[in-house]
Amino acid sequence: MGKLVSTVFVSLDGVYQAPGGPQEDTRDGFQQGGWVFPYVDDDFGRFVEDVFGRVGAFLLGRRTYDIFAAYWPKVTDPDDPIAGPLNRLPKYVPSSTLTDPGWSGTTVLRGDLAEEVGALKERTDGELQLHGSGALARSLLDLGLVDTLHLLTFPVVLGAGRRFFAEGAVPTAFRHTAGSVTGAGVSIQSYEVAGRPEYGTVGDSEDA
């Protein structure tokens, strides 16, 4: 059985919208797309390549799928550490509107999200990776289907845009498993999902 691994880029104020370019996602009048660009360095590249080296299949939200499909099929070098896996391995997209995907290896998921993704995890060797796709990642976290979260926090405050952990998210505890900071100041932290949070009063213990 594979693990569902989500990799998400956020600003210091929690925005995940349009990290890669000005036109990626302009919903709600968002005009600050491309905020990741100044912080892409060798440390960042090594982390991304390491993640892609463990993938068995991809699960992508519709918007992220469209962005990837417009670019990565044009990178035809099979040894490219990003394009190679993306073009070669299965890609799954939950969507009610995507009818004729042109990217080879794409399967559209139209059934119950929890059932479909649960079945994908069962039959995937290696990691079932979810990149970007903030709304889908939040839904799968709320459903308890995400196993690992790589959260990359970039040293910028945007002041507007869609937040990854918005109000109404299902309370979830995480266990920190790895972390580093790139030369450009990007905090890369990896977490395993650890169920529901525990609560108590600080300083209230038997030894106090």
N, C-alpha and C. Protein backbone atom coordinates (compact mmCIF):
# COMPACT_ATOMS: atom_id res chain seq x y z
N MET A 1 0.85 -1.20 0.00
CA MET A 1 0.00 0.00 0.00
C MET A 1 0.88 1.24 0.00
N GLY A 2 0.56 2.19 -0.86
CA GLY A 2 1.32 3.41 -0.93
C GLY A 2 0.88 4.42 0.12
N LYS A 3 1.69 5.47 0.29
CA LYS A 3 1.37 6.57 1.17
C LYS A 3 0.97 7.78 0.34
N LEU A 4 0.00 8.53 0.81
CA LEU A 4 -0.38 9.77 0.16
C LEU A 4 0.44 10.89 0.75
N VAL A 5 1.27 11.51 -0.09
CA VAL A 5 2.21 12.55 0.35
C VAL A 5 1.86 13.86 -0.35
N SER A 6 1.59 14.88 0.45
CA SER A 6 1.20 16.18 -0.08
C SER A 6 2.34 17.18 0.10
N THR A 7 2.69 17.90 -0.96
CA THR A 7 3.70 18.95 -0.90
C THR A 7 3.04 20.28 -1.23
N VAL A 8 3.13 21.22 -0.28
CA VAL A 8 2.41 22.48 -0.42
C VAL A 8 3.37 23.64 -0.16
N PHE A 9 3.29 24.67 -1.01
CA PHE A 9 4.05 25.90 -0.82
C PHE A 9 3.11 26.95 -0.20
N VAL A 10 3.55 27.61 0.88
CA VAL A 10 2.75 28.67 1.49
C VAL A 10 3.63 29.87 1.82
N SER A 11 3.01 31.04 1.88
CA SER A 11 3.68 32.23 2.36
C SER A 11 3.65 32.24 3.88
N LEU A 12 4.32 33.21 4.51
CA LEU A 12 4.30 33.29 5.97
C LEU A 12 2.89 33.49 6.51
N ASP A 13 2.02 34.13 5.74
CA ASP A 13 0.64 34.29 6.18
C ASP A 13 -0.29 33.22 5.61
N GLY A 14 0.30 32.10 5.18
CA GLY A 14 -0.49 30.92 4.86
C GLY A 14 -1.11 30.85 3.48
N VAL A 15 -0.75 31.75 2.57
CA VAL A 15 -1.33 31.77 1.23
C VAL A 15 -0.66 30.72 0.35
N TYR A 16 -1.47 29.95 -0.37
CA TYR A 16 -0.93 28.96 -1.31
C TYR A 16 -1.22 29.30 -2.76
N GLN A 17 -1.95 30.35 -3.01
CA GLN A 17 -2.46 30.67 -4.34
C GLN A 17 -1.35 31.13 -5.28
N ALA A 18 -1.28 30.53 -6.46
CA ALA A 18 -0.43 30.97 -7.57
C ALA A 18 1.03 31.17 -7.19
N PRO A 19 1.69 30.16 -6.64
CA PRO A 19 3.10 30.34 -6.28
C PRO A 19 4.03 30.46 -7.49
N GLY A 20 3.66 29.81 -8.61
CA GLY A 20 4.63 29.65 -9.69
C GLY A 20 4.63 30.70 -10.78
N GLY A 21 3.58 31.52 -10.87
CA GLY A 21 3.55 32.49 -11.96
C GLY A 21 2.37 33.43 -11.86
N PRO A 22 2.46 34.61 -12.47
CA PRO A 22 1.41 35.63 -12.36
C PRO A 22 0.04 35.19 -12.85
N GLN A 23 0.00 34.29 -13.85
CA GLN A 23 -1.28 33.91 -14.42
C GLN A 23 -1.78 32.54 -13.95
N GLU A 24 -1.10 31.93 -12.99
CA GLU A 24 -1.52 30.60 -12.53
C GLU A 24 -2.93 30.58 -11.96
N ASP A 25 -3.24 31.55 -11.12
CA ASP A 25 -4.52 31.54 -10.44
C ASP A 25 -4.86 32.97 -10.02
N THR A 26 -5.70 33.63 -10.79
CA THR A 26 -6.06 35.02 -10.50
C THR A 26 -7.44 35.15 -9.87
N ARG A 27 -7.97 34.06 -9.35
CA ARG A 27 -9.29 34.12 -8.71
C ARG A 27 -9.32 35.18 -7.61
N ASP A 28 -10.47 35.80 -7.45
CA ASP A 28 -10.69 36.83 -6.44
C ASP A 28 -9.79 38.04 -6.66
N GLY A 29 -9.32 38.22 -7.90
CA GLY A 29 -8.49 39.37 -8.21
C GLY A 29 -7.06 39.29 -7.71
N PHE A 30 -6.59 38.08 -7.42
CA PHE A 30 -5.23 37.91 -6.90
C PHE A 30 -4.21 38.29 -7.96
N GLN A 31 -3.31 39.23 -7.61
CA GLN A 31 -2.36 39.77 -8.57
C GLN A 31 -0.90 39.57 -8.16
N GLN A 32 -0.64 38.67 -7.23
CA GLN A 32 0.71 38.50 -6.73
C GLN A 32 1.30 37.12 -7.06
N GLY A 33 0.79 36.52 -8.12
CA GLY A 33 1.29 35.21 -8.50
C GLY A 33 2.77 35.22 -8.86
N GLY A 34 3.44 34.11 -8.56
CA GLY A 34 4.86 34.00 -8.85
C GLY A 34 5.75 34.33 -7.67
N TRP A 35 5.19 34.33 -6.47
CA TRP A 35 5.93 34.75 -5.27
C TRP A 35 7.02 33.77 -4.84
N VAL A 36 7.03 32.56 -5.40
CA VAL A 36 8.09 31.59 -5.10
C VAL A 36 9.40 31.95 -5.82
N PHE A 37 9.31 32.60 -6.95
CA PHE A 37 10.45 32.79 -7.86
C PHE A 37 11.74 33.29 -7.19
N PRO A 38 11.71 34.30 -6.33
CA PRO A 38 12.98 34.81 -5.79
C PRO A 38 13.69 33.84 -4.85
N TYR A 39 13.02 32.77 -4.44
CA TYR A 39 13.57 31.89 -3.41
C TYR A 39 13.98 30.51 -3.93
N VAL A 40 13.92 30.34 -5.25
CA VAL A 40 14.30 29.05 -5.84
C VAL A 40 15.83 29.00 -5.96
N ASP A 41 16.45 28.09 -5.20
CA ASP A 41 17.90 27.95 -5.24
C ASP A 41 18.26 26.47 -5.30
N ASP A 42 19.54 26.15 -5.17
CA ASP A 42 19.98 24.76 -5.28
C ASP A 42 19.41 23.89 -4.15
N ASP A 43 19.30 24.44 -2.94
CA ASP A 43 18.73 23.68 -1.83
C ASP A 43 17.28 23.30 -2.12
N PHE A 44 16.54 24.25 -2.62
CA PHE A 44 15.15 24.00 -2.99
C PHE A 44 15.07 22.94 -4.08
N GLY A 45 15.92 23.07 -5.09
CA GLY A 45 15.92 22.11 -6.19
C GLY A 45 16.25 20.70 -5.73
N ARG A 46 17.20 20.57 -4.83
CA ARG A 46 17.56 19.24 -4.33
C ARG A 46 16.41 18.60 -3.57
N PHE A 47 15.68 19.39 -2.78
CA PHE A 47 14.54 18.84 -2.06
C PHE A 47 13.48 18.34 -3.03
N VAL A 48 13.15 19.15 -4.03
CA VAL A 48 12.11 18.77 -4.99
C VAL A 48 12.52 17.51 -5.75
N GLU A 49 13.76 17.44 -6.19
CA GLU A 49 14.22 16.25 -6.90
C GLU A 49 14.17 15.01 -6.02
N ASP A 50 14.50 15.17 -4.75
CA ASP A 50 14.44 14.03 -3.82
C ASP A 50 13.01 13.53 -3.67
N VAL A 51 12.06 14.45 -3.56
CA VAL A 51 10.64 14.07 -3.46
C VAL A 51 10.20 13.31 -4.70
N PHE A 52 10.51 13.85 -5.87
CA PHE A 52 10.09 13.21 -7.12
C PHE A 52 10.77 11.86 -7.33
N GLY A 53 11.89 11.63 -6.66
CA GLY A 53 12.56 10.35 -6.77
C GLY A 53 11.86 9.21 -6.05
N ARG A 54 10.84 9.53 -5.25
CA ARG A 54 10.11 8.50 -4.51
C ARG A 54 8.69 8.27 -5.02
N VAL A 55 8.32 8.91 -6.10
CA VAL A 55 6.93 8.88 -6.54
C VAL A 55 6.59 7.60 -7.27
N GLY A 56 5.35 7.12 -7.05
CA GLY A 56 4.83 5.98 -7.79
C GLY A 56 3.68 6.38 -8.71
N ALA A 57 2.96 7.45 -8.32
CA ALA A 57 1.85 7.98 -9.12
C ALA A 57 1.53 9.37 -8.60
N PHE A 58 0.81 10.14 -9.42
CA PHE A 58 0.47 11.51 -9.06
C PHE A 58 -1.04 11.67 -8.92
N LEU A 59 -1.44 12.45 -7.93
CA LEU A 59 -2.82 12.86 -7.75
C LEU A 59 -2.83 14.38 -7.79
N LEU A 60 -3.57 14.97 -8.73
CA LEU A 60 -3.52 16.41 -8.96
C LEU A 60 -4.92 17.00 -9.02
N GLY A 61 -5.07 18.17 -8.39
CA GLY A 61 -6.30 18.92 -8.56
C GLY A 61 -6.42 19.42 -9.99
N ARG A 62 -7.62 19.76 -10.40
CA ARG A 62 -7.85 20.14 -11.79
C ARG A 62 -7.02 21.35 -12.20
N ARG A 63 -6.94 22.39 -11.38
CA ARG A 63 -6.21 23.58 -11.76
C ARG A 63 -4.71 23.28 -11.87
N THR A 64 -4.16 22.55 -10.90
CA THR A 64 -2.74 22.19 -10.96
C THR A 64 -2.48 21.29 -12.15
N TYR A 65 -3.38 20.36 -12.43
CA TYR A 65 -3.21 19.49 -13.59
C TYR A 65 -3.11 20.30 -14.87
N ASP A 66 -3.98 21.28 -15.04
CA ASP A 66 -3.96 22.09 -16.26
C ASP A 66 -2.64 22.85 -16.38
N ILE A 67 -2.14 23.38 -15.25
CA ILE A 67 -0.86 24.10 -15.28
C ILE A 67 0.27 23.16 -15.66
N PHE A 68 0.32 21.99 -15.03
CA PHE A 68 1.38 21.02 -15.33
C PHE A 68 1.28 20.52 -16.77
N ALA A 69 0.06 20.24 -17.22
CA ALA A 69 -0.13 19.66 -18.55
C ALA A 69 0.23 20.64 -19.66
N ALA A 70 0.20 21.93 -19.36
CA ALA A 70 0.56 22.92 -20.36
C ALA A 70 2.07 23.07 -20.52
N TYR A 71 2.83 22.53 -19.56
CA TYR A 71 4.28 22.74 -19.59
C TYR A 71 5.10 21.45 -19.67
N TRP A 72 4.86 20.52 -18.74
CA TRP A 72 5.78 19.40 -18.60
C TRP A 72 5.82 18.43 -19.77
N PRO A 73 4.75 18.20 -20.52
CA PRO A 73 4.89 17.32 -21.70
C PRO A 73 5.86 17.85 -22.74
N LYS A 74 6.13 19.16 -22.71
CA LYS A 74 7.07 19.76 -23.66
C LYS A 74 8.52 19.49 -23.27
N VAL A 75 8.74 19.07 -22.03
CA VAL A 75 10.10 18.73 -21.58
C VAL A 75 10.28 17.23 -21.84
N THR A 76 10.94 16.90 -22.92
CA THR A 76 10.93 15.52 -23.42
C THR A 76 12.13 14.68 -22.98
N ASP A 77 13.04 15.24 -22.22
CA ASP A 77 14.19 14.48 -21.73
C ASP A 77 13.72 13.47 -20.69
N PRO A 78 13.79 12.16 -20.97
CA PRO A 78 13.29 11.17 -20.01
C PRO A 78 14.09 11.14 -18.72
N ASP A 79 15.30 11.71 -18.73
CA ASP A 79 16.13 11.72 -17.54
C ASP A 79 15.94 12.98 -16.69
N ASP A 80 15.11 13.89 -17.15
CA ASP A 80 14.81 15.07 -16.34
C ASP A 80 14.14 14.61 -15.04
N PRO A 81 14.64 15.04 -13.87
CA PRO A 81 14.14 14.49 -12.60
C PRO A 81 12.70 14.86 -12.29
N ILE A 82 12.16 15.88 -12.92
CA ILE A 82 10.76 16.27 -12.71
C ILE A 82 9.89 15.80 -13.88
N ALA A 83 10.29 16.18 -15.09
CA ALA A 83 9.48 15.84 -16.27
C ALA A 83 9.43 14.33 -16.49
N GLY A 84 10.53 13.63 -16.23
CA GLY A 84 10.55 12.19 -16.46
C GLY A 84 9.43 11.47 -15.72
N PRO A 85 9.38 11.58 -14.39
CA PRO A 85 8.28 10.93 -13.66
C PRO A 85 6.90 11.45 -14.05
N LEU A 86 6.76 12.77 -14.23
CA LEU A 86 5.44 13.31 -14.57
C LEU A 86 4.93 12.78 -15.90
N ASN A 87 5.79 12.65 -16.87
CA ASN A 87 5.35 12.18 -18.19
C ASN A 87 5.19 10.67 -18.25
N ARG A 88 5.92 9.95 -17.41
CA ARG A 88 5.95 8.48 -17.49
C ARG A 88 4.92 7.80 -16.59
N LEU A 89 4.68 8.36 -15.42
CA LEU A 89 3.89 7.67 -14.40
C LEU A 89 2.40 8.04 -14.48
N PRO A 90 1.54 7.22 -13.86
CA PRO A 90 0.11 7.51 -13.88
C PRO A 90 -0.22 8.81 -13.16
N LYS A 91 -1.21 9.52 -13.71
CA LYS A 91 -1.70 10.77 -13.14
C LYS A 91 -3.21 10.65 -12.97
N TYR A 92 -3.69 11.01 -11.79
CA TYR A 92 -5.12 10.91 -11.49
C TYR A 92 -5.65 12.30 -11.12
N VAL A 93 -6.82 12.63 -11.68
CA VAL A 93 -7.39 13.97 -11.50
C VAL A 93 -8.87 13.83 -11.11
N PRO A 94 -9.24 14.17 -9.87
CA PRO A 94 -10.66 14.21 -9.54
C PRO A 94 -11.32 15.40 -10.22
N SER A 95 -12.27 15.15 -11.09
CA SER A 95 -12.90 16.24 -11.83
C SER A 95 -14.22 15.79 -12.43
N SER A 96 -15.18 16.69 -12.43
CA SER A 96 -16.46 16.42 -13.09
C SER A 96 -16.53 17.11 -14.45
N THR A 97 -15.49 17.89 -14.79
CA THR A 97 -15.52 18.66 -16.04
C THR A 97 -14.43 18.27 -17.03
N LEU A 98 -13.38 17.60 -16.57
CA LEU A 98 -12.31 17.18 -17.47
C LEU A 98 -12.76 15.93 -18.22
N THR A 99 -12.96 16.06 -19.53
CA THR A 99 -13.55 14.95 -20.29
C THR A 99 -12.56 14.26 -21.23
N ASP A 100 -11.58 14.99 -21.72
CA ASP A 100 -10.68 14.41 -22.72
C ASP A 100 -9.24 14.85 -22.45
N PRO A 101 -8.64 14.35 -21.39
CA PRO A 101 -7.28 14.80 -21.06
C PRO A 101 -6.28 14.39 -22.14
N GLY A 102 -5.45 15.35 -22.55
CA GLY A 102 -4.51 15.07 -23.61
C GLY A 102 -3.16 14.57 -23.13
N TRP A 103 -2.91 14.63 -21.84
CA TRP A 103 -1.63 14.22 -21.29
C TRP A 103 -1.63 12.71 -21.09
N SER A 104 -0.72 12.03 -21.73
CA SER A 104 -0.66 10.57 -21.66
C SER A 104 -0.56 10.09 -20.22
N GLY A 105 -1.31 9.04 -19.92
CA GLY A 105 -1.25 8.44 -18.58
C GLY A 105 -2.21 9.04 -17.59
N THR A 106 -3.14 9.90 -18.06
CA THR A 106 -4.08 10.57 -17.17
C THR A 106 -5.38 9.77 -17.04
N THR A 107 -5.83 9.62 -15.80
CA THR A 107 -7.14 9.02 -15.51
C THR A 107 -7.96 10.01 -14.72
N VAL A 108 -9.19 10.26 -15.16
CA VAL A 108 -10.08 11.17 -14.46
C VAL A 108 -10.90 10.37 -13.43
N LEU A 109 -10.93 10.85 -12.20
CA LEU A 109 -11.69 10.22 -11.13
C LEU A 109 -13.02 10.94 -10.98
N ARG A 110 -14.12 10.21 -11.12
CA ARG A 110 -15.43 10.84 -11.07
C ARG A 110 -16.29 10.33 -9.91
N GLY A 111 -15.83 9.33 -9.17
CA GLY A 111 -16.62 8.77 -8.10
C GLY A 111 -16.39 9.47 -6.77
N ASP A 112 -16.80 8.82 -5.69
CA ASP A 112 -16.62 9.35 -4.35
C ASP A 112 -15.13 9.55 -4.07
N LEU A 113 -14.76 10.76 -3.63
CA LEU A 113 -13.35 11.10 -3.46
C LEU A 113 -12.65 10.18 -2.47
N ALA A 114 -13.26 9.95 -1.33
CA ALA A 114 -12.63 9.10 -0.31
C ALA A 114 -12.42 7.69 -0.82
N GLU A 115 -13.42 7.13 -1.49
CA GLU A 115 -13.30 5.77 -2.00
C GLU A 115 -12.25 5.69 -3.11
N GLU A 116 -12.27 6.65 -4.03
CA GLU A 116 -11.34 6.63 -5.15
C GLU A 116 -9.89 6.75 -4.66
N VAL A 117 -9.63 7.69 -3.77
CA VAL A 117 -8.26 7.91 -3.30
C VAL A 117 -7.81 6.77 -2.40
N GLY A 118 -8.72 6.25 -1.59
CA GLY A 118 -8.37 5.09 -0.78
C GLY A 118 -7.96 3.90 -1.63
N ALA A 119 -8.67 3.69 -2.73
CA ALA A 119 -8.33 2.59 -3.64
C ALA A 119 -6.99 2.85 -4.33
N LEU A 120 -6.72 4.11 -4.68
CA LEU A 120 -5.43 4.45 -5.31
C LEU A 120 -4.27 4.15 -4.36
N LYS A 121 -4.43 4.50 -3.10
CA LYS A 121 -3.38 4.23 -2.13
C LYS A 121 -3.12 2.73 -2.02
N GLU A 122 -4.18 1.95 -2.07
CA GLU A 122 -4.04 0.50 -1.94
C GLU A 122 -3.21 -0.10 -3.07
N ARG A 123 -3.34 0.45 -4.27
CA ARG A 123 -2.70 -0.19 -5.42
C ARG A 123 -1.45 0.54 -5.93
N THR A 124 -1.02 1.58 -5.22
CA THR A 124 0.16 2.32 -5.66
C THR A 124 1.41 1.81 -4.96
N ASP A 125 2.43 1.49 -5.74
CA ASP A 125 3.74 1.16 -5.19
C ASP A 125 4.55 2.45 -5.08
N GLY A 126 5.08 2.71 -3.91
CA GLY A 126 5.75 3.99 -3.69
C GLY A 126 4.75 5.03 -3.24
N GLU A 127 5.11 6.29 -3.42
CA GLU A 127 4.26 7.36 -2.92
C GLU A 127 3.25 7.81 -3.97
N LEU A 128 2.03 7.99 -3.54
CA LEU A 128 1.01 8.69 -4.32
C LEU A 128 1.16 10.16 -3.95
N GLN A 129 1.67 10.96 -4.87
CA GLN A 129 2.06 12.33 -4.54
C GLN A 129 1.05 13.35 -5.03
N LEU A 130 0.75 14.27 -4.13
CA LEU A 130 -0.15 15.39 -4.41
C LEU A 130 0.69 16.66 -4.35
N HIS A 131 0.82 17.35 -5.48
CA HIS A 131 1.62 18.57 -5.54
C HIS A 131 0.70 19.77 -5.73
N GLY A 132 0.94 20.82 -4.92
CA GLY A 132 0.06 21.98 -5.00
C GLY A 132 -1.36 21.56 -4.67
N SER A 133 -2.29 21.93 -5.57
CA SER A 133 -3.68 21.44 -5.45
C SER A 133 -4.22 21.71 -4.04
N GLY A 134 -4.13 22.97 -3.60
CA GLY A 134 -4.43 23.29 -2.21
C GLY A 134 -5.81 22.86 -1.74
N ALA A 135 -6.84 23.13 -2.54
CA ALA A 135 -8.20 22.77 -2.12
C ALA A 135 -8.36 21.26 -1.99
N LEU A 136 -7.79 20.51 -2.94
CA LEU A 136 -7.86 19.05 -2.88
C LEU A 136 -7.06 18.54 -1.69
N ALA A 137 -5.88 19.11 -1.43
CA ALA A 137 -5.08 18.67 -0.30
C ALA A 137 -5.82 18.89 1.02
N ARG A 138 -6.47 20.03 1.15
CA ARG A 138 -7.24 20.30 2.38
C ARG A 138 -8.37 19.29 2.53
N SER A 139 -9.07 19.00 1.45
CA SER A 139 -10.17 18.03 1.53
C SER A 139 -9.67 16.66 1.97
N LEU A 140 -8.53 16.24 1.42
CA LEU A 140 -7.99 14.92 1.75
C LEU A 140 -7.45 14.88 3.17
N LEU A 141 -6.90 16.00 3.65
CA LEU A 141 -6.50 16.07 5.06
C LEU A 141 -7.73 15.94 5.96
N ASP A 142 -8.80 16.63 5.62
CA ASP A 142 -10.03 16.57 6.41
C ASP A 142 -10.61 15.16 6.42
N LEU A 143 -10.40 14.43 5.33
CA LEU A 143 -10.90 13.05 5.24
C LEU A 143 -9.97 12.05 5.91
N GLY A 144 -8.81 12.49 6.38
CA GLY A 144 -7.87 11.61 7.03
C GLY A 144 -7.10 10.72 6.08
N LEU A 145 -6.96 11.14 4.83
CA LEU A 145 -6.32 10.30 3.81
C LEU A 145 -4.86 10.66 3.55
N VAL A 146 -4.42 11.84 3.99
CA VAL A 146 -3.03 12.23 3.80
C VAL A 146 -2.17 11.60 4.89
N ASP A 147 -1.05 11.01 4.49
CA ASP A 147 -0.12 10.41 5.44
C ASP A 147 1.02 11.34 5.81
N THR A 148 1.56 12.04 4.81
CA THR A 148 2.71 12.91 5.01
C THR A 148 2.45 14.26 4.37
N LEU A 149 2.83 15.33 5.07
CA LEU A 149 2.71 16.68 4.55
C LEU A 149 4.09 17.33 4.54
N HIS A 150 4.56 17.72 3.35
CA HIS A 150 5.75 18.56 3.22
C HIS A 150 5.25 20.00 3.07
N LEU A 151 5.51 20.81 4.08
CA LEU A 151 5.05 22.19 4.07
C LEU A 151 6.25 23.11 3.90
N LEU A 152 6.30 23.80 2.76
CA LEU A 152 7.40 24.71 2.45
C LEU A 152 6.90 26.14 2.65
N THR A 153 7.47 26.82 3.64
CA THR A 153 7.04 28.17 3.97
C THR A 153 8.06 29.18 3.47
N PHE A 154 7.62 30.09 2.62
CA PHE A 154 8.49 31.06 1.98
C PHE A 154 8.47 32.38 2.76
N PRO A 155 9.62 33.05 2.86
CA PRO A 155 9.72 34.25 3.70
C PRO A 155 9.12 35.49 3.04
N VAL A 156 7.82 35.46 2.87
CA VAL A 156 7.12 36.59 2.26
C VAL A 156 5.70 36.62 2.82
N VAL A 157 5.20 37.81 3.10
CA VAL A 157 3.80 38.02 3.50
C VAL A 157 3.08 38.66 2.33
N LEU A 158 1.97 38.03 1.92
CA LEU A 158 1.24 38.50 0.73
C LEU A 158 0.03 39.36 1.08
N GLY A 159 -0.58 39.12 2.22
CA GLY A 159 -1.68 39.96 2.65
C GLY A 159 -3.01 39.69 1.96
N ALA A 160 -3.01 38.81 1.00
CA ALA A 160 -4.23 38.46 0.27
C ALA A 160 -4.02 37.11 -0.38
N GLY A 161 -5.11 36.47 -0.77
CA GLY A 161 -5.01 35.18 -1.43
C GLY A 161 -5.62 34.06 -0.60
N ARG A 162 -5.71 32.92 -1.20
CA ARG A 162 -6.35 31.77 -0.57
C ARG A 162 -5.40 31.10 0.42
N ARG A 163 -5.87 30.91 1.64
CA ARG A 163 -5.07 30.31 2.69
C ARG A 163 -5.22 28.81 2.69
N PHE A 164 -4.12 28.13 2.99
CA PHE A 164 -4.16 26.67 2.99
C PHE A 164 -4.96 26.15 4.19
N PHE A 165 -4.61 26.56 5.38
CA PHE A 165 -5.37 26.15 6.56
C PHE A 165 -6.37 27.25 6.89
N ALA A 166 -7.48 27.22 6.20
CA ALA A 166 -8.51 28.23 6.40
C ALA A 166 -9.41 27.82 7.57
N GLU A 167 -10.19 28.80 8.06
CA GLU A 167 -11.13 28.51 9.14
C GLU A 167 -12.11 27.43 8.69
N GLY A 168 -12.37 26.49 9.58
CA GLY A 168 -13.25 25.38 9.26
C GLY A 168 -12.52 24.09 8.96
N ALA A 169 -11.18 24.14 8.88
CA ALA A 169 -10.42 22.91 8.67
C ALA A 169 -10.63 21.95 9.84
N VAL A 170 -10.62 20.66 9.55
CA VAL A 170 -10.76 19.65 10.60
C VAL A 170 -9.53 19.70 11.51
N PRO A 171 -9.69 19.81 12.83
CA PRO A 171 -8.53 19.83 13.72
C PRO A 171 -7.69 18.56 13.54
N THR A 172 -6.40 18.74 13.31
CA THR A 172 -5.50 17.63 12.99
C THR A 172 -4.17 17.85 13.69
N ALA A 173 -3.64 16.79 14.28
CA ALA A 173 -2.31 16.84 14.89
C ALA A 173 -1.29 16.26 13.92
N PHE A 174 -0.06 16.76 14.01
CA PHE A 174 1.02 16.30 13.15
C PHE A 174 2.24 15.97 14.00
N ARG A 175 3.04 15.05 13.51
CA ARG A 175 4.31 14.69 14.14
C ARG A 175 5.44 15.11 13.22
N HIS A 176 6.33 15.95 13.71
CA HIS A 176 7.43 16.46 12.89
C HIS A 176 8.44 15.36 12.62
N THR A 177 8.83 15.16 11.37
CA THR A 177 9.75 14.08 11.02
C THR A 177 11.05 14.55 10.41
N ALA A 178 11.07 15.76 9.83
CA ALA A 178 12.31 16.27 9.22
C ALA A 178 12.14 17.75 8.97
N GLY A 179 13.27 18.45 8.89
CA GLY A 179 13.19 19.88 8.62
C GLY A 179 14.52 20.47 8.23
N SER A 180 14.45 21.53 7.43
CA SER A 180 15.65 22.25 7.04
C SER A 180 15.24 23.63 6.57
N VAL A 181 16.23 24.51 6.41
CA VAL A 181 16.00 25.84 5.86
C VAL A 181 16.98 26.04 4.71
N THR A 182 16.48 26.46 3.57
CA THR A 182 17.34 26.65 2.40
C THR A 182 18.17 27.92 2.56
N GLY A 183 19.16 28.06 1.69
CA GLY A 183 19.98 29.26 1.71
C GLY A 183 19.18 30.52 1.48
N ALA A 184 18.08 30.41 0.74
CA ALA A 184 17.23 31.57 0.46
C ALA A 184 16.19 31.81 1.54
N GLY A 185 16.18 30.96 2.58
CA GLY A 185 15.28 31.18 3.70
C GLY A 185 13.96 30.46 3.66
N VAL A 186 13.81 29.47 2.78
CA VAL A 186 12.58 28.69 2.73
C VAL A 186 12.64 27.60 3.80
N SER A 187 11.64 27.57 4.67
CA SER A 187 11.56 26.56 5.72
C SER A 187 10.86 25.32 5.15
N ILE A 188 11.58 24.20 5.10
CA ILE A 188 11.04 22.95 4.58
C ILE A 188 10.81 22.01 5.76
N GLN A 189 9.56 21.74 6.07
CA GLN A 189 9.23 20.91 7.22
C GLN A 189 8.33 19.75 6.78
N SER A 190 8.66 18.57 7.28
CA SER A 190 7.90 17.36 6.93
C SER A 190 7.19 16.84 8.17
N TYR A 191 5.94 16.44 7.99
CA TYR A 191 5.10 15.99 9.09
C TYR A 191 4.37 14.71 8.71
N GLU A 192 4.19 13.84 9.68
CA GLU A 192 3.26 12.72 9.55
C GLU A 192 1.97 13.10 10.26
N VAL A 193 0.85 12.77 9.64
CA VAL A 193 -0.44 13.05 10.28
C VAL A 193 -0.59 12.12 11.49
N ALA A 194 -0.98 12.71 12.62
CA ALA A 194 -1.01 11.96 13.88
C ALA A 194 -2.38 11.97 14.54
N GLY A 195 -3.44 12.06 13.75
CA GLY A 195 -4.79 11.97 14.31
C GLY A 195 -5.30 13.32 14.78
N ARG A 196 -6.13 13.30 15.81
CA ARG A 196 -6.74 14.52 16.33
C ARG A 196 -5.86 15.13 17.42
N PRO A 197 -5.93 16.45 17.59
CA PRO A 197 -5.13 17.10 18.63
C PRO A 197 -5.53 16.65 20.03
N GLU A 198 -4.58 16.76 20.96
CA GLU A 198 -4.86 16.58 22.38
C GLU A 198 -4.84 17.95 23.04
N TYR A 199 -5.59 18.09 24.14
CA TYR A 199 -5.73 19.40 24.78
C TYR A 199 -5.46 19.28 26.28
N GLY A 200 -5.03 20.36 26.86
CA GLY A 200 -4.79 20.41 28.29
C GLY A 200 -4.46 21.83 28.69
N THR A 201 -4.05 21.99 29.92
CA THR A 201 -3.67 23.30 30.44
C THR A 201 -2.18 23.32 30.71
N VAL A 202 -1.49 24.29 30.12
CA VAL A 202 -0.04 24.39 30.29
C VAL A 202 0.28 24.62 31.77
N GLY A 203 1.21 23.80 32.31
CA GLY A 203 1.58 23.91 33.71
C GLY A 203 0.72 23.10 34.65
N ASP A 204 -0.36 22.51 34.12
CA ASP A 204 -1.26 21.71 34.95
C ASP A 204 -0.86 20.26 34.81
N SER A 205 -0.04 19.76 35.74
CA SER A 205 0.37 18.36 35.71
C SER A 205 0.54 17.85 37.12
N GLU A 206 0.70 16.55 37.25
CA GLU A 206 0.83 15.94 38.56
C GLU A 206 2.09 16.41 39.29
N ASP A 207 3.12 16.79 38.51
CA ASP A 207 4.38 17.19 39.12
C ASP A 207 4.44 18.67 39.45
N ALA A 208 3.43 19.43 39.03
CA ALA A 208 3.46 20.86 39.23
C ALA A 208 3.27 21.21 40.71
